[in-house]
Amino acid sequence: MFNRRKEFSSTEIQYRALSDQGLIRLFILPTIILLVVINIFPLFWSLVLSFSNFTAKFPLVWGKNPRFLGIGQYIKLLTDQAIWEKFITTAKYVVLSVGGEMLLGFGLALLLQIKFRGREIITTLLVLPMTMSPVIVGLMWKLFYDPNWGMFNYLLGLGKIDWATDTRYNLYAAVIADIWMWTPFVMLLALAGLGAIPQYLYEAAEVDRASWWHKFTRITLPMVWPLLLVALIFRTMEAFKVFDIAMGISGRGATAPQLLSIHLYDTAFVTWKTGIGSALGYIVLVMIIAITNIFIKYLNKAKQ
């Protein structure tokens, strides 16, 4: 009788284990299906559309079937001089905005490493721009840039310069707003890296009478460099896709900076050229992946 009870208990345990696994699958399966439907399916569907002249203005249910063009869409885009000018403008925006954020963010982190009264309050105030919506930031800076009553020209003594709609300045207007918003992100990562540096390294350098430049190049920068690369990767990806800030400041059309994201919006959602818009989106995606892979390669070397 004891053996029967033991056998029954083991069977019951096995049944419960199977039930637990079934419950796990039951809870995970809807999440997986939701991710496939929301993320993976649109990704592959837009890839299919990029090889056709499909337009969302005339859905498939209306009987207007798209025509398969193969790589013709991509050849057309890559041989278009106007598209290459937008590539150059976008690259200029990325270099200026990300470069400014890296320099200012790291510089602010070095200053905040110095102990002084009110340092925590100043750090909190500096982080606030990052918590705002990019569209709100763009609209707010549009008011600052107003040539008639905006404070930006007044504070700099520049006269009535229309930063928002003048094509000579609207790119730099978006760069300034982007730097203002995302410099705190770089600053926080740099502060985390600076706080993790062992103090005995600086003490040993003091014993050896090392200069501040030697301590900065041999201790500070190498120890913080991996986190700075992480910030560089994230900010580069976001800068290539920037849309909210530029749209909030300059709107779209002739007054907007000639960025790829704004041109992609006009192509896909204003003129409803969904196929060529999808192709342009995948060109930007491949470009971002290639650039971030280069950064990740250097990040792995820095970790080693």
Protein backbone atom coordinates (compact mmCIF):
# COMPACT_ATOMS: atom_id res chain seq x y z
CA MET A 1 0.00 0.00 0.00
CA PHE A 2 2.89 2.35 0.74
CA ASN A 3 4.36 1.66 -2.72
CA ARG A 4 1.04 2.42 -4.40
CA ARG A 5 0.82 5.69 -2.54
CA LYS A 6 4.35 6.57 -3.59
CA GLU A 7 3.60 5.71 -7.22
CA PHE A 8 0.44 7.84 -7.10
CA SER A 9 2.37 10.78 -5.69
CA SER A 10 5.00 10.65 -8.45
CA THR A 11 2.26 10.49 -11.10
CA GLU A 12 0.51 13.45 -9.51
CA ILE A 13 3.78 15.44 -9.49
CA GLN A 14 4.37 14.64 -13.16
CA TYR A 15 0.80 15.71 -13.98
CA ARG A 16 1.28 18.98 -12.12
CA ALA A 17 4.56 19.62 -13.93
CA LEU A 18 2.86 19.11 -17.27
CA SER A 19 0.09 21.43 -16.17
CA ASP A 20 2.61 24.12 -15.21
CA GLN A 21 4.30 23.87 -18.59
CA GLY A 22 0.93 24.12 -20.27
CA LEU A 23 0.10 27.24 -18.27
CA ILE A 24 3.44 28.79 -19.22
CA ARG A 25 2.77 28.16 -22.91
CA LEU A 26 -0.77 29.46 -22.49
CA PHE A 27 0.45 32.77 -21.08
CA ILE A 28 3.42 33.21 -23.44
CA LEU A 29 1.65 32.25 -26.68
CA PRO A 30 -0.64 35.32 -26.87
CA THR A 31 2.35 37.61 -26.29
CA ILE A 32 4.32 35.93 -29.07
CA ILE A 33 1.36 36.14 -31.44
CA LEU A 34 0.90 39.83 -30.58
CA LEU A 35 4.58 40.58 -31.23
CA VAL A 36 4.47 38.75 -34.56
CA VAL A 37 1.33 40.59 -35.66
CA ILE A 38 2.44 44.05 -34.50
CA ASN A 39 6.20 43.96 -35.22
CA ILE A 40 7.36 41.13 -37.47
CA PHE A 41 4.48 40.94 -39.94
CA PRO A 42 4.52 44.69 -40.86
CA LEU A 43 8.28 44.48 -41.24
CA PHE A 44 8.12 41.71 -43.84
CA TRP A 45 4.98 43.11 -45.47
CA SER A 46 6.65 46.49 -46.02
CA LEU A 47 9.65 44.64 -47.48
CA VAL A 48 7.33 42.97 -50.00
CA LEU A 49 5.71 46.30 -50.83
CA SER A 50 9.11 47.91 -51.43
CA PHE A 51 9.47 45.80 -54.58
CA SER A 52 6.17 47.04 -56.04
CA ASN A 53 4.37 50.26 -56.96
CA PHE A 54 1.73 49.66 -54.29
CA THR A 55 -0.08 52.72 -52.93
CA ALA A 56 -2.17 52.71 -49.76
CA LYS A 57 -4.54 55.13 -51.46
CA PHE A 58 -5.96 52.22 -53.45
CA PRO A 59 -6.07 49.13 -51.20
CA LEU A 60 -5.96 45.62 -52.63
CA VAL A 61 -9.65 45.12 -51.90
CA TRP A 62 -10.48 47.70 -54.56
CA GLY A 63 -9.05 45.48 -57.25
CA LYS A 64 -6.06 47.68 -58.16
CA ASN A 65 -3.29 45.11 -57.83
CA PRO A 66 0.25 46.49 -57.51
CA ARG A 67 2.83 45.79 -60.17
CA PHE A 68 6.02 43.96 -59.16
CA LEU A 69 9.10 46.07 -59.99
CA GLY A 70 11.89 44.00 -58.46
CA ILE A 71 14.87 46.11 -57.42
CA GLY A 72 13.76 48.90 -59.72
CA GLN A 73 12.52 50.97 -56.78
CA TYR A 74 15.92 50.75 -55.08
CA ILE A 75 17.82 51.58 -58.27
CA LYS A 76 15.57 54.56 -58.86
CA LEU A 77 16.20 55.87 -55.34
CA LEU A 78 19.95 55.26 -55.31
CA THR A 79 20.43 56.99 -58.65
CA ASP A 80 18.31 60.02 -57.74
CA GLN A 81 20.49 63.09 -57.15
CA ALA A 82 17.84 64.70 -54.93
CA ILE A 83 17.85 61.66 -52.62
CA TRP A 84 21.63 61.83 -52.29
CA GLU A 85 21.36 65.49 -51.32
CA LYS A 86 18.95 64.48 -48.56
CA PHE A 87 21.41 61.76 -47.49
CA ILE A 88 24.12 64.40 -47.20
CA THR A 89 21.83 66.76 -45.27
CA THR A 90 20.83 63.97 -42.89
CA ALA A 91 24.48 62.96 -42.38
CA LYS A 92 25.31 66.59 -41.61
CA TYR A 93 22.50 66.70 -39.08
CA VAL A 94 23.69 63.47 -37.43
CA VAL A 95 27.31 64.64 -37.16
CA LEU A 96 26.41 68.07 -35.75
CA SER A 97 23.73 66.93 -33.30
CA VAL A 98 25.40 63.74 -32.03
CA GLY A 99 28.83 65.38 -31.94
CA GLY A 100 27.48 68.32 -29.94
CA GLU A 101 25.65 66.01 -27.55
CA MET A 102 28.71 63.87 -26.95
CA LEU A 103 30.99 66.85 -26.24
CA LEU A 104 28.52 68.78 -24.08
CA GLY A 105 27.24 65.69 -22.28
CA PHE A 106 30.71 64.47 -21.38
CA GLY A 107 31.80 67.98 -20.40
CA LEU A 108 28.80 68.42 -18.10
CA ALA A 109 29.46 65.02 -16.54
CA LEU A 110 33.05 66.04 -15.77
CA LEU A 111 31.85 69.27 -14.17
CA LEU A 112 29.20 67.47 -12.11
CA GLN A 113 31.88 65.15 -10.74
CA ILE A 114 33.13 68.11 -8.73
CA LYS A 115 31.44 68.24 -5.32
CA PHE A 116 29.64 71.53 -4.70
CA ARG A 117 26.47 72.69 -2.99
CA GLY A 118 23.30 72.13 -5.03
CA ARG A 119 24.87 69.60 -7.39
CA GLU A 120 21.90 67.20 -7.12
CA ILE A 121 19.40 69.97 -7.91
CA ILE A 122 21.39 71.11 -10.95
CA THR A 123 21.65 67.52 -12.20
CA THR A 124 17.89 67.09 -11.89
CA LEU A 125 17.23 70.34 -13.78
CA LEU A 126 19.62 69.33 -16.55
CA VAL A 127 17.81 66.01 -17.01
CA LEU A 128 14.36 67.62 -17.41
CA PRO A 129 14.60 68.32 -21.20
CA MET A 130 15.04 64.61 -21.86
CA THR A 131 11.70 63.86 -20.19
CA MET A 132 9.71 66.05 -22.60
CA SER A 133 7.96 64.91 -25.78
CA PRO A 134 10.00 65.62 -28.95
CA VAL A 135 6.98 67.25 -30.63
CA ILE A 136 6.53 69.59 -27.67
CA VAL A 137 10.24 70.42 -27.77
CA GLY A 138 9.99 71.27 -31.47
CA LEU A 139 6.95 73.51 -30.98
CA MET A 140 8.55 75.19 -27.98
CA TRP A 141 11.74 75.97 -29.88
CA LYS A 142 9.63 77.23 -32.79
CA LEU A 143 8.34 79.90 -30.42
CA PHE A 144 11.88 80.65 -29.28
CA TYR A 145 12.98 81.07 -32.91
CA ASP A 146 10.14 83.42 -33.87
CA PRO A 147 11.79 86.44 -35.59
CA ASN A 148 9.28 88.94 -34.19
CA TRP A 149 8.96 88.13 -30.50
CA GLY A 150 11.07 85.01 -29.91
CA MET A 151 13.82 85.27 -27.30
CA PHE A 152 16.52 83.34 -29.21
CA ASN A 153 17.51 86.16 -31.57
CA TYR A 154 17.12 88.72 -28.79
CA LEU A 155 19.47 86.91 -26.40
CA LEU A 156 22.12 86.42 -29.09
CA GLY A 157 21.63 89.87 -30.62
CA LEU A 158 21.16 88.45 -34.12
CA GLY A 159 18.31 90.58 -35.41
CA LYS A 160 15.24 89.13 -37.14
CA ILE A 161 16.48 85.76 -38.39
CA ASP A 162 13.74 83.27 -39.20
CA TRP A 163 15.37 80.10 -37.92
CA ALA A 164 12.26 77.96 -38.40
CA THR A 165 11.45 78.53 -42.09
CA ASP A 166 14.64 79.94 -43.64
CA THR A 167 16.29 77.06 -45.51
CA ARG A 168 19.72 78.45 -44.67
CA TYR A 169 19.15 78.06 -40.94
CA ASN A 170 16.33 75.56 -40.29
CA LEU A 171 18.71 72.57 -40.19
CA TYR A 172 20.80 74.25 -37.51
CA ALA A 173 17.62 75.18 -35.64
CA ALA A 174 16.70 71.49 -35.41
CA VAL A 175 20.27 70.61 -34.40
CA ILE A 176 20.23 73.10 -31.52
CA ALA A 177 16.89 71.78 -30.24
CA ASP A 178 18.09 68.17 -30.53
CA ILE A 179 21.29 68.96 -28.62
CA TRP A 180 19.29 70.74 -25.91
CA MET A 181 16.98 67.76 -25.49
CA TRP A 182 19.37 64.80 -25.65
CA THR A 183 22.61 66.10 -24.12
CA PRO A 184 21.33 64.94 -20.66
CA PHE A 185 21.16 61.36 -21.97
CA VAL A 186 24.87 61.37 -22.76
CA MET A 187 25.57 63.18 -19.49
CA LEU A 188 23.84 60.48 -17.42
CA LEU A 189 25.74 57.64 -19.09
CA ALA A 190 29.02 59.52 -18.69
CA LEU A 191 28.23 60.16 -15.02
CA ALA A 192 27.63 56.44 -14.52
CA GLY A 193 30.98 55.65 -16.12
CA LEU A 194 32.83 58.29 -14.12
CA GLY A 195 31.29 57.07 -10.87
CA ALA A 196 32.50 53.52 -11.58
CA ILE A 197 36.19 54.49 -11.92
CA PRO A 198 38.19 53.20 -8.90
CA GLN A 199 39.68 56.10 -6.95
CA TYR A 200 42.91 54.22 -6.27
CA LEU A 201 43.86 54.74 -9.92
CA TYR A 202 43.85 58.50 -9.44
CA GLU A 203 45.68 58.12 -6.13
CA ALA A 204 48.40 56.09 -7.82
CA ALA A 205 48.63 58.72 -10.55
CA GLU A 206 48.99 61.44 -7.90
CA VAL A 207 51.84 59.51 -6.30
CA ASP A 208 53.56 59.35 -9.71
CA ARG A 209 52.93 63.12 -10.13
CA ALA A 210 50.97 62.58 -13.34
CA SER A 211 49.51 65.65 -15.04
CA TRP A 212 45.75 66.18 -15.40
CA TRP A 213 46.03 65.46 -19.12
CA HIS A 214 47.80 62.17 -18.43
CA LYS A 215 45.09 61.16 -15.92
CA PHE A 216 42.37 62.15 -18.37
CA THR A 217 43.79 60.26 -21.37
CA ARG A 218 45.07 57.20 -19.48
CA ILE A 219 42.42 56.73 -16.78
CA THR A 220 39.22 58.77 -17.26
CA LEU A 221 38.62 58.48 -20.99
CA PRO A 222 39.49 54.75 -21.37
CA MET A 223 37.25 53.82 -18.43
CA VAL A 224 34.28 55.89 -19.64
CA TRP A 225 34.76 55.13 -23.34
CA PRO A 226 32.52 51.99 -23.45
CA LEU A 227 29.54 53.91 -22.03
CA LEU A 228 30.22 56.82 -24.36
CA LEU A 229 30.11 54.37 -27.26
CA VAL A 230 26.75 53.09 -26.03
CA ALA A 231 25.47 56.67 -25.97
CA LEU A 232 26.93 57.23 -29.43
CA ILE A 233 25.17 54.15 -30.82
CA PHE A 234 21.75 55.10 -29.44
CA ARG A 235 21.96 58.75 -30.39
CA THR A 236 23.19 57.98 -33.92
CA MET A 237 20.27 55.63 -34.53
CA GLU A 238 17.79 58.19 -33.22
CA ALA A 239 19.36 61.11 -35.12
CA PHE A 240 19.01 59.32 -38.46
CA LYS A 241 15.31 58.83 -37.76
CA VAL A 242 14.62 62.29 -36.32
CA PHE A 243 11.23 63.61 -37.36
CA ASP A 244 9.34 65.07 -34.41
CA ILE A 245 11.68 67.95 -33.58
CA ALA A 246 12.25 69.05 -37.18
CA MET A 247 8.55 68.79 -38.00
CA GLY A 248 7.60 70.73 -34.88
CA ILE A 249 10.00 73.56 -35.71
CA SER A 250 9.69 73.90 -39.49
CA GLY A 251 6.70 71.81 -40.51
CA ARG A 252 6.85 70.05 -43.86
CA GLY A 253 7.26 71.16 -47.44
CA ALA A 254 9.66 73.75 -48.79
CA THR A 255 10.27 75.32 -45.37
CA ALA A 256 11.37 72.04 -43.75
CA PRO A 257 14.99 70.85 -43.61
CA GLN A 258 15.71 68.31 -46.34
CA LEU A 259 16.01 65.31 -44.05
CA LEU A 260 15.36 61.72 -45.12
CA SER A 261 12.72 61.22 -42.45
CA ILE A 262 10.64 64.18 -43.62
CA HIS A 263 11.01 63.14 -47.27
CA LEU A 264 9.96 59.63 -46.30
CA TYR A 265 6.87 61.00 -44.57
CA ASP A 266 5.95 63.09 -47.63
CA THR A 267 6.47 60.12 -49.95
CA ALA A 268 4.58 57.51 -47.97
CA PHE A 269 1.82 59.51 -46.25
CA VAL A 270 1.28 62.67 -48.31
CA THR A 271 1.66 61.47 -51.91
CA TRP A 272 0.75 57.88 -50.88
CA LYS A 273 3.64 56.27 -52.78
CA THR A 274 3.77 53.40 -50.33
CA GLY A 275 6.04 51.12 -52.37
CA ILE A 276 8.82 53.62 -52.96
CA GLY A 277 8.41 54.90 -49.39
CA SER A 278 8.95 51.37 -48.08
CA ALA A 279 12.05 51.02 -50.25
CA LEU A 280 13.46 54.29 -48.90
CA GLY A 281 12.71 53.14 -45.36
CA TYR A 282 14.68 49.93 -45.89
CA ILE A 283 17.61 51.84 -47.38
CA VAL A 284 17.71 53.97 -44.24
CA LEU A 285 17.37 50.83 -42.09
CA VAL A 286 20.32 49.11 -43.80
CA MET A 287 22.40 52.27 -43.48
CA ILE A 288 21.67 52.55 -39.75
CA ILE A 289 22.46 48.86 -39.18
CA ALA A 290 25.77 49.19 -41.03
CA ILE A 291 26.85 52.25 -39.02
CA THR A 292 25.80 50.80 -35.66
CA ASN A 293 27.63 47.55 -36.42
CA ILE A 294 30.82 49.57 -36.86
CA PHE A 295 30.26 51.21 -33.49
CA ILE A 296 29.46 47.86 -31.86
CA LYS A 297 32.71 46.45 -33.22
CA TYR A 298 34.64 49.24 -31.50
CA LEU A 299 32.52 48.74 -28.37
CA ASN A 300 33.54 45.09 -28.16
CA LYS A 301 37.19 46.10 -28.53
CA ALA A 302 36.77 48.70 -25.78
CA LYS A 303 35.28 46.08 -23.43
CA GLN A 304 38.20 43.75 -24.07
